[in-house]
Structures are given as structure tokens and as C-alpha cells.
């Protein structure tokens, strides 16, 4: 059984001059409130700039324009956090279950995920899902409430609610949708073909569901982590020191982290291969390589993000 990721999903971000009706030559902070460094997104660099200017009269960090850099500016910055990445969703590839048919009333979204179905997190925090619904994975609970993140398993859907709690629904043969009562608040979620992974606020990792290859058995010596990812039958974690750990199915060597990998800033998984974004922006991928998914292009250059399909690898180059 595969995760069914035989379709691709893309968030298309229109030019800011079109989205916000402003002239493209205007400063980025005017186009997206809180974008102090002109990167096109409200992020940690903007927060750093605001804190550096804290308490000064006016200046580029005066987001609200009230003449002083204060709590009101911080509030405005947080409200607009990531707002420049909102956009419309596009999908293409295998469409036997309608997983590429974007609902006409979907609206702008901030995150996407997929299995044999497609999942979208809308800007108002609500979740939509469509495509294969054999296990009810597209039936978003009416009482779900606003969410901050989504993930897709093979035939189940996972959501991280704004209060840090995790919900999962859909095919539940291996209890992958039965969120442990002792899980506690979380900051990130991921899914394998039939298991679910969560990163708690204290940096510890929890996993549950199908466990034939021990992908739900979190190593005792793992330590605190900053990111998680799930392949078909393996689990990956990025530790706070930038090192990568992987466990579960080792048939294709996807859990054999290269000894010369070095510190990383992001991780991702394909069905049977593992991907890491190193701190210098270079990408590494290892093991199952039947379709060349681990052959990083020699002209790729430094990257800012990575992702994986069952048998392919994706990166955003700077």
C-alpha cells in the first residue's frame, strides 16, 4: 500500500501589486504590514528588526504608524505573520478520486497536504478536504475549530488546532486516528501511511498507529526536537542541535542518516527516501533512488524549503 501521493499540490502566490492593489515599486512593508526586511513574508527577521528598534520614536519598525515602536506594533506584526504567503491552491496529476478538483468556494489558503486526498488550511483557520473518502478522511469534524497546521496520512487526515491539541480522522484500522489522551499540547504534526506523529511543545515526539517496523517507537535518547516528518513506514526528527534521526522501516536504508550530513534546518520524507536541508542551504537525500529522487541536481544551489512525494523530491531555491 502506498501513500497515494500521485498528485501534486501548489500554492500560487500572485504578485503583491495584484493581490494588494499596490504598486510593485512600493516598499515591501507597505505591501505586507510587518514585512520590515522586504523578504516578502512576515517572519523571524522582521521580529528581530522590531525588537532591535523597540521603544524608538517612529522608524521602519513602527508597523502601526503611531510614532513609536511598541506593543501595538508587535501585535500587528503577529497578526500578519506569514500573511504574504496566502494564495490560491492548484493541483495536478492523478485525479481518479477528484483530488485535483479544487472546490470553487475554497478561498485563500496558508497550508496544504495530501494523501489519496487533498487537504487545505484556509486563512480563517478552517480545514477543507476532498478526494478519496473511503475512510471518512475528507469529513472534517464540525467541532474542529480553528487550526494552525494540517498533515495527511495515507488515508487519514491530521489537524493541529490553535489550542495545541491534535485531531485525526479517517481510516483508523491501526488506531492512527486515536490521539493519545496524554499527548499534551503540540507545535507540529506529520503522518505516515498508517501512523501519526506529533511534536509536543516541550520538543518531545509522540507517534502512534501502525507499528510493524517500529516507526512509532520513539528512541529514548532522541532528545528535544524542532521538526518531524513521516514516510510510508518510517519517522524522521530534526533535533535542536541540527542533527537528524530516523527510525522505522530500513529496507531501503531510508533511516541510515549520512555520517557527514552536518547540521540541518529542515527535514522531509518521500515514501521510501529521506530528505534534509542543511544549514548552508544545500539539500541531501538518501536511499530508495529507483527514479533518481535522491540525485540532487548539480546546479540546484542553496534552498529555503524541501518536500517529498512517494518517488520524487522538491526544493525551493533561493
Foldseek 3Di string as FASTA:
>chain_A
DFLQLQKDKDFDQDQLCVVQVHDNPDQLCVSQQQPLPRPQFLDPVSVVVLVVQAFAFDDSLPRVPPGHRYPVSVVSSVVRGGVSRWGDMAMDGDCPFPQRVDDPPQAIFDDWEDGQKIWTQRPVQDIAIGGDCPFPQRVPDPPQAGFDDWEDASFKIWTQHPVQDIAMGGDCPFPQRVPDPPPAGFDDWYYANFKIKTQHPQQDIAMGGDQPQPQRVPDPPQAGFDDKYYANFKIKTQHPVQDIAMGGDCPQPQRVPDPPQAGFDDWEDENRKIKTQHPLQDIAIDTDQPPPQRVPDPPQAGFDDKYYYNHHIDTHGD
